[in-house]
N, C-alpha and C. Protein backbone atom coordinates (compact mmCIF):
# COMPACT_ATOMS: atom_id res chain seq x y z
N MET A 1 -20.13 -6.39 -18.00
CA MET A 1 -21.19 -7.10 -17.75
C MET A 1 -21.75 -7.13 -16.31
N THR A 2 -22.89 -6.75 -16.01
CA THR A 2 -23.24 -6.87 -14.67
C THR A 2 -24.62 -7.43 -14.48
N GLU A 3 -25.21 -8.25 -15.45
CA GLU A 3 -26.01 -9.13 -15.29
C GLU A 3 -25.97 -10.14 -16.10
N ARG A 4 -26.56 -11.33 -15.86
CA ARG A 4 -26.69 -12.43 -16.72
C ARG A 4 -27.84 -13.19 -16.52
N VAL A 5 -28.24 -13.92 -17.63
CA VAL A 5 -29.53 -14.67 -17.81
C VAL A 5 -28.87 -16.23 -17.78
N TYR A 6 -29.47 -16.93 -16.72
CA TYR A 6 -29.25 -18.26 -16.54
C TYR A 6 -30.38 -19.26 -16.28
N GLU A 7 -30.62 -20.18 -17.38
CA GLU A 7 -31.70 -20.78 -17.48
C GLU A 7 -32.90 -20.06 -17.12
N GLY A 8 -33.15 -18.74 -17.94
CA GLY A 8 -34.00 -17.85 -18.13
C GLY A 8 -34.45 -16.93 -17.05
N VAL A 9 -33.64 -17.12 -16.36
CA VAL A 9 -33.51 -15.88 -14.89
C VAL A 9 -32.67 -14.84 -15.10
N LEU A 10 -33.15 -13.56 -14.74
CA LEU A 10 -32.13 -12.70 -15.10
C LEU A 10 -31.57 -12.72 -13.22
N ASP A 11 -30.23 -12.24 -13.32
CA ASP A 11 -29.90 -12.21 -12.05
C ASP A 11 -28.32 -11.60 -12.19
N THR A 12 -27.69 -11.65 -11.37
CA THR A 12 -26.35 -11.16 -11.23
C THR A 12 -25.21 -12.19 -11.48
N PRO A 13 -24.03 -11.72 -12.09
CA PRO A 13 -22.89 -12.82 -12.09
C PRO A 13 -22.76 -13.26 -10.98
N LYS A 14 -21.93 -14.92 -11.29
CA LYS A 14 -21.96 -15.53 -10.30
C LYS A 14 -20.75 -15.07 -8.92
N THR A 15 -19.58 -14.37 -9.69
CA THR A 15 -18.54 -13.74 -8.72
C THR A 15 -18.15 -12.37 -9.12
N ASP A 16 -17.32 -11.67 -8.53
CA ASP A 16 -16.85 -10.50 -8.95
C ASP A 16 -16.24 -10.56 -10.14
N LYS A 17 -15.34 -11.35 -10.43
CA LYS A 17 -14.65 -11.91 -11.47
C LYS A 17 -15.37 -12.20 -12.62
N SER A 18 -16.77 -12.41 -12.36
CA SER A 18 -17.71 -12.55 -13.69
C SER A 18 -18.10 -11.05 -14.37
N ILE A 19 -17.95 -10.21 -13.37
CA ILE A 19 -18.34 -8.61 -13.73
C ILE A 19 -17.08 -8.25 -14.72
N ARG A 20 -17.39 -7.64 -15.86
CA ARG A 20 -16.36 -7.48 -16.98
C ARG A 20 -16.88 -6.98 -18.04
N LYS A 21 -15.98 -6.10 -18.71
CA LYS A 21 -16.18 -5.45 -19.64
C LYS A 21 -16.18 -5.97 -20.91
N ALA A 22 -17.00 -5.93 -21.90
CA ALA A 22 -17.08 -6.49 -23.42
C ALA A 22 -16.32 -5.63 -24.44
N ALA A 23 -15.46 -6.30 -24.92
CA ALA A 23 -14.81 -5.31 -26.07
C ALA A 23 -15.33 -5.34 -27.33
N LEU A 24 -16.39 -4.32 -27.64
CA LEU A 24 -16.96 -4.10 -28.77
C LEU A 24 -16.59 -3.41 -29.50
N THR A 25 -16.52 -3.42 -30.55
CA THR A 25 -15.83 -2.82 -32.00
C THR A 25 -16.83 -1.47 -32.20
N ASP A 26 -16.55 -0.25 -32.61
CA ASP A 26 -17.41 0.72 -33.05
C ASP A 26 -18.73 0.31 -33.97
N GLY A 27 -17.97 -0.51 -34.91
CA GLY A 27 -18.92 -0.85 -35.82
C GLY A 27 -19.95 -1.97 -35.42
N LEU A 28 -19.47 -2.86 -34.43
CA LEU A 28 -20.37 -3.63 -33.63
C LEU A 28 -21.28 -2.72 -33.09
N MET A 29 -20.85 -1.70 -32.43
CA MET A 29 -21.83 -0.82 -31.39
C MET A 29 -22.89 -0.62 -32.60
N ALA A 30 -22.39 0.32 -33.60
CA ALA A 30 -23.32 0.75 -34.55
C ALA A 30 -24.46 -0.32 -34.82
N SER A 31 -23.98 -1.35 -35.40
CA SER A 31 -24.79 -2.58 -35.84
C SER A 31 -25.80 -2.75 -34.61
N LEU A 32 -25.47 -2.86 -33.59
CA LEU A 32 -26.38 -3.18 -32.16
C LEU A 32 -27.15 -1.80 -32.17
N GLU A 33 -26.83 -0.82 -32.31
CA GLU A 33 -27.85 0.42 -32.44
C GLU A 33 -28.89 0.32 -33.26
N ARG A 34 -28.44 -0.13 -34.63
CA ARG A 34 -29.62 -0.26 -35.93
C ARG A 34 -30.44 -0.99 -35.54
N TRP A 35 -29.92 -2.34 -34.85
CA TRP A 35 -30.90 -3.28 -34.47
C TRP A 35 -31.57 -2.88 -33.45
N ARG A 36 -31.40 -2.39 -32.37
CA ARG A 36 -32.29 -1.61 -31.57
C ARG A 36 -33.53 -0.57 -31.77
N GLU A 37 -33.09 0.07 -32.85
CA GLU A 37 -33.88 1.17 -33.59
C GLU A 37 -35.16 0.51 -34.41
N MET A 38 -34.57 -1.06 -34.62
CA MET A 38 -35.70 -1.60 -35.52
C MET A 38 -36.49 -2.67 -34.38
N SER A 39 -35.97 -2.54 -33.08
CA SER A 39 -36.63 -3.59 -32.31
C SER A 39 -38.00 -3.11 -31.96
N PRO A 40 -39.01 -4.07 -31.34
CA PRO A 40 -40.63 -3.42 -31.04
C PRO A 40 -40.39 -2.84 -29.72
N SER A 41 -39.35 -3.12 -28.99
CA SER A 41 -39.38 -2.60 -27.35
C SER A 41 -37.86 -2.00 -27.35
N ARG A 42 -38.00 -0.71 -27.38
CA ARG A 42 -36.70 -0.11 -27.13
C ARG A 42 -36.09 0.68 -25.92
N SER A 43 -36.77 0.08 -24.95
CA SER A 43 -36.81 0.37 -23.36
C SER A 43 -35.14 0.21 -22.97
N ALA A 44 -34.72 0.86 -22.30
CA ALA A 44 -33.44 0.31 -21.52
C ALA A 44 -33.39 -1.34 -20.81
N GLU A 45 -34.53 -1.51 -20.62
CA GLU A 45 -34.65 -2.73 -19.96
C GLU A 45 -34.83 -4.06 -20.84
N ALA A 46 -35.10 -3.76 -22.05
CA ALA A 46 -35.75 -4.83 -23.09
C ALA A 46 -34.38 -5.28 -23.26
N PHE A 47 -34.45 -6.76 -23.90
CA PHE A 47 -33.21 -7.61 -24.16
C PHE A 47 -33.09 -7.32 -25.64
N VAL A 48 -31.61 -7.06 -26.03
CA VAL A 48 -31.52 -6.56 -27.47
C VAL A 48 -31.82 -7.96 -28.28
N PHE A 49 -31.33 -9.15 -27.91
CA PHE A 49 -31.91 -10.30 -28.71
C PHE A 49 -32.87 -10.79 -27.68
N ARG A 50 -34.14 -11.12 -28.07
CA ARG A 50 -35.03 -11.35 -27.39
C ARG A 50 -35.77 -12.61 -27.99
N SER A 51 -36.93 -13.33 -27.36
CA SER A 51 -37.42 -14.18 -27.86
C SER A 51 -38.78 -13.50 -28.71
N GLU A 52 -39.54 -14.43 -29.11
CA GLU A 52 -40.87 -13.93 -29.61
C GLU A 52 -42.02 -13.17 -28.78
N CYS A 53 -41.62 -13.62 -27.52
CA CYS A 53 -42.40 -12.93 -26.23
C CYS A 53 -41.83 -12.11 -25.54
N GLY A 54 -40.74 -11.56 -25.90
CA GLY A 54 -39.93 -10.79 -25.13
C GLY A 54 -38.86 -10.97 -24.34
N THR A 55 -39.01 -12.51 -23.93
CA THR A 55 -38.16 -12.84 -22.75
C THR A 55 -36.81 -13.18 -23.33
N ALA A 56 -35.72 -13.60 -22.46
CA ALA A 56 -34.24 -13.78 -22.89
C ALA A 56 -34.54 -15.12 -23.74
N LEU A 57 -33.24 -14.94 -24.89
CA LEU A 57 -33.32 -15.90 -25.68
C LEU A 57 -32.59 -17.37 -24.89
N SER A 58 -33.41 -18.63 -25.11
CA SER A 58 -33.00 -19.54 -24.52
C SER A 58 -31.48 -20.17 -25.29
N LYS A 59 -30.39 -20.43 -24.23
CA LYS A 59 -29.00 -20.69 -24.97
C LYS A 59 -29.65 -22.02 -25.78
N HIS A 60 -30.31 -22.87 -25.14
CA HIS A 60 -30.66 -24.28 -25.56
C HIS A 60 -31.28 -24.47 -26.99
N ASN A 61 -32.23 -23.21 -26.91
CA ASN A 61 -32.59 -23.27 -28.46
C ASN A 61 -31.99 -22.55 -29.54
N ILE A 62 -31.26 -21.73 -29.06
CA ILE A 62 -30.11 -21.15 -29.89
C ILE A 62 -29.38 -22.12 -30.47
N TRP A 63 -28.68 -23.25 -29.55
CA TRP A 63 -27.76 -24.09 -29.72
C TRP A 63 -28.31 -25.11 -30.65
N ARG A 64 -29.71 -25.49 -30.42
CA ARG A 64 -30.19 -26.48 -31.25
C ARG A 64 -30.83 -26.11 -32.73
N ARG A 65 -31.27 -24.79 -32.60
CA ARG A 65 -32.11 -24.44 -34.05
C ARG A 65 -30.96 -23.78 -34.91
N ASN A 66 -29.82 -22.85 -34.07
CA ASN A 66 -28.99 -22.38 -34.98
C ASN A 66 -27.65 -22.89 -35.21
N ILE A 67 -27.09 -23.08 -33.68
CA ILE A 67 -25.42 -23.49 -34.04
C ILE A 67 -25.13 -25.05 -34.35
N GLN A 68 -26.10 -26.13 -34.00
CA GLN A 68 -25.64 -27.09 -33.93
C GLN A 68 -26.03 -27.53 -35.59
N PRO A 69 -26.83 -27.17 -35.87
CA PRO A 69 -27.14 -27.40 -37.55
C PRO A 69 -25.90 -27.35 -38.46
N LYS A 70 -25.02 -26.13 -38.33
CA LYS A 70 -24.03 -25.60 -38.81
C LYS A 70 -22.73 -26.61 -38.49
N LEU A 71 -22.54 -26.98 -37.15
CA LEU A 71 -21.64 -27.59 -37.02
C LEU A 71 -21.70 -29.19 -37.43
N ARG A 72 -22.87 -29.36 -37.37
CA ARG A 72 -23.19 -30.91 -37.76
C ARG A 72 -22.87 -31.09 -39.51
N ALA A 73 -23.13 -29.94 -40.13
CA ALA A 73 -23.10 -29.81 -41.60
C ALA A 73 -21.51 -29.95 -42.12
N VAL A 74 -20.64 -29.41 -41.11
CA VAL A 74 -19.31 -29.33 -41.30
C VAL A 74 -18.27 -30.43 -40.44
N GLY A 75 -19.26 -31.42 -39.94
CA GLY A 75 -18.64 -32.69 -39.35
C GLY A 75 -18.26 -32.26 -37.85
N LEU A 76 -18.84 -31.52 -37.34
CA LEU A 76 -18.29 -30.94 -35.79
C LEU A 76 -19.68 -30.88 -34.93
N ALA A 77 -20.49 -32.18 -35.30
CA ALA A 77 -21.73 -32.24 -34.19
C ALA A 77 -21.24 -32.87 -32.95
N TRP A 78 -20.25 -33.21 -32.58
CA TRP A 78 -19.71 -33.44 -31.27
C TRP A 78 -19.39 -32.01 -30.73
N CYS A 79 -19.01 -31.03 -31.42
CA CYS A 79 -18.58 -29.82 -30.56
C CYS A 79 -19.65 -29.36 -29.51
N THR A 80 -19.33 -28.52 -28.41
CA THR A 80 -20.20 -28.01 -27.45
C THR A 80 -19.63 -26.58 -27.12
N PHE A 81 -20.46 -26.00 -26.44
CA PHE A 81 -19.91 -24.47 -25.87
C PHE A 81 -18.70 -24.32 -25.06
N GLN A 82 -18.33 -25.75 -24.25
CA GLN A 82 -17.32 -25.79 -23.96
C GLN A 82 -16.20 -25.93 -24.60
N VAL A 83 -16.12 -26.68 -25.65
CA VAL A 83 -15.11 -27.03 -26.49
C VAL A 83 -14.98 -26.00 -27.37
N MET A 84 -15.95 -24.83 -27.71
CA MET A 84 -15.26 -23.51 -28.30
C MET A 84 -15.03 -22.44 -27.36
N ARG A 85 -15.22 -22.69 -25.88
CA ARG A 85 -14.41 -21.75 -25.11
C ARG A 85 -12.88 -22.23 -24.95
N ARG A 86 -12.63 -23.37 -24.97
CA ARG A 86 -11.51 -23.70 -24.70
C ARG A 86 -10.56 -23.76 -25.79
N THR A 87 -11.29 -23.90 -27.07
CA THR A 87 -10.49 -23.79 -28.30
C THR A 87 -10.28 -22.26 -28.50
N HIS A 88 -11.03 -21.31 -28.33
CA HIS A 88 -10.91 -19.71 -28.32
C HIS A 88 -9.63 -19.51 -26.92
N SER A 89 -9.51 -20.08 -25.98
CA SER A 89 -8.27 -19.81 -25.29
C SER A 89 -7.33 -20.17 -25.72
N THR A 90 -7.13 -21.51 -26.28
CA THR A 90 -5.92 -21.97 -27.21
C THR A 90 -5.63 -21.21 -28.07
N LEU A 91 -6.49 -20.94 -29.10
CA LEU A 91 -6.19 -20.08 -30.13
C LEU A 91 -5.48 -18.65 -29.82
N MET A 92 -6.16 -18.12 -28.99
CA MET A 92 -5.41 -16.91 -28.10
C MET A 92 -3.87 -17.24 -27.61
N LYS A 93 -3.91 -18.14 -26.83
CA LYS A 93 -2.11 -18.68 -26.68
C LYS A 93 -1.76 -18.97 -27.98
N THR A 94 -2.08 -19.29 -28.69
CA THR A 94 -0.97 -19.51 -29.98
C THR A 94 -0.95 -18.43 -30.72
N LEU A 95 -2.13 -17.54 -30.75
CA LEU A 95 -1.64 -16.03 -31.46
C LEU A 95 -0.74 -15.14 -30.57
N LYS A 96 -0.42 -15.65 -29.30
CA LYS A 96 0.24 -14.99 -28.39
C LYS A 96 -0.20 -13.75 -27.96
N ALA A 97 -1.62 -13.74 -27.69
CA ALA A 97 -2.39 -12.71 -27.26
C ALA A 97 -1.78 -12.36 -25.95
N ASP A 98 -1.97 -11.07 -25.26
CA ASP A 98 -1.37 -10.62 -24.16
C ASP A 98 -2.05 -11.66 -23.03
N PRO A 99 -0.97 -12.38 -22.51
CA PRO A 99 -1.38 -13.17 -21.17
C PRO A 99 -2.38 -12.85 -20.47
N LYS A 100 -2.55 -11.61 -20.20
CA LYS A 100 -3.60 -10.98 -19.22
C LYS A 100 -4.92 -10.97 -19.95
N LEU A 101 -4.96 -10.62 -21.11
CA LEU A 101 -6.20 -10.51 -21.94
C LEU A 101 -7.30 -11.78 -21.88
N ILE A 102 -6.45 -13.04 -21.94
CA ILE A 102 -7.06 -14.36 -22.09
C ILE A 102 -7.93 -14.41 -20.96
N PRO A 103 -7.38 -14.57 -19.61
CA PRO A 103 -8.23 -14.95 -18.53
C PRO A 103 -9.15 -13.83 -18.40
N ASP A 104 -9.10 -12.44 -18.83
CA ASP A 104 -10.02 -11.34 -18.78
C ASP A 104 -11.22 -12.00 -19.35
N GLN A 105 -10.82 -12.27 -20.58
CA GLN A 105 -12.45 -12.58 -21.33
C GLN A 105 -12.87 -13.67 -20.86
N MET A 106 -11.90 -14.70 -20.37
CA MET A 106 -12.78 -15.78 -20.00
C MET A 106 -13.35 -15.86 -18.64
N GLY A 107 -12.86 -15.13 -17.64
CA GLY A 107 -13.51 -14.67 -16.27
C GLY A 107 -12.57 -15.39 -15.32
N HIS A 108 -11.10 -15.72 -15.51
CA HIS A 108 -10.58 -16.36 -14.75
C HIS A 108 -9.35 -15.43 -14.08
N THR A 109 -8.77 -15.88 -13.09
CA THR A 109 -7.49 -14.93 -12.85
C THR A 109 -6.36 -15.64 -13.71
N VAL A 110 -5.22 -14.96 -13.49
CA VAL A 110 -4.18 -15.10 -14.63
C VAL A 110 -3.47 -16.75 -14.39
N ASP A 111 -3.49 -16.94 -13.09
CA ASP A 111 -2.93 -18.47 -13.11
C ASP A 111 -3.65 -19.74 -13.67
N VAL A 112 -5.11 -19.24 -14.05
CA VAL A 112 -5.67 -20.66 -14.17
C VAL A 112 -5.54 -20.80 -15.74
N ASN A 113 -5.27 -19.76 -16.62
CA ASN A 113 -5.01 -20.01 -17.88
C ASN A 113 -3.64 -20.25 -18.30
N GLN A 114 -2.60 -20.24 -17.35
CA GLN A 114 -1.25 -20.14 -17.93
C GLN A 114 -0.77 -21.49 -17.83
N CYS A 115 -1.29 -22.52 -17.60
CA CYS A 115 -1.00 -24.00 -17.67
C CYS A 115 -0.88 -24.37 -18.89
N SER A 116 -0.13 -25.42 -19.50
CA SER A 116 0.07 -25.67 -20.95
C SER A 116 -0.30 -27.15 -20.83
N GLY A 117 -0.70 -27.65 -21.99
CA GLY A 117 -1.16 -28.93 -21.91
C GLY A 117 -2.49 -29.38 -22.84
């Protein structure tokens, strides 16, 4: 990832560590390519997932319209992005994932994710 959208503004990642590769399966890449072929705008600069007016999706809108109702339906209305991020990290540790993989995915150095608790 070499670009980010934050509060609707396209810019660069906050730090050099934030620049990283996304692990996408061949199946996901094929699905994304099929999605792009159906997209109204196929230019390299176009967002793969965009708003109706072609701008970057708002994380707040996605959360409020799509994610929060599903969490509420299963009794997890209190859950936030941060909770899901920490849960991912904890589950990866529980599954004994490669100790370097977890901080790489989270954009941390190895020492940040190694504390227990």
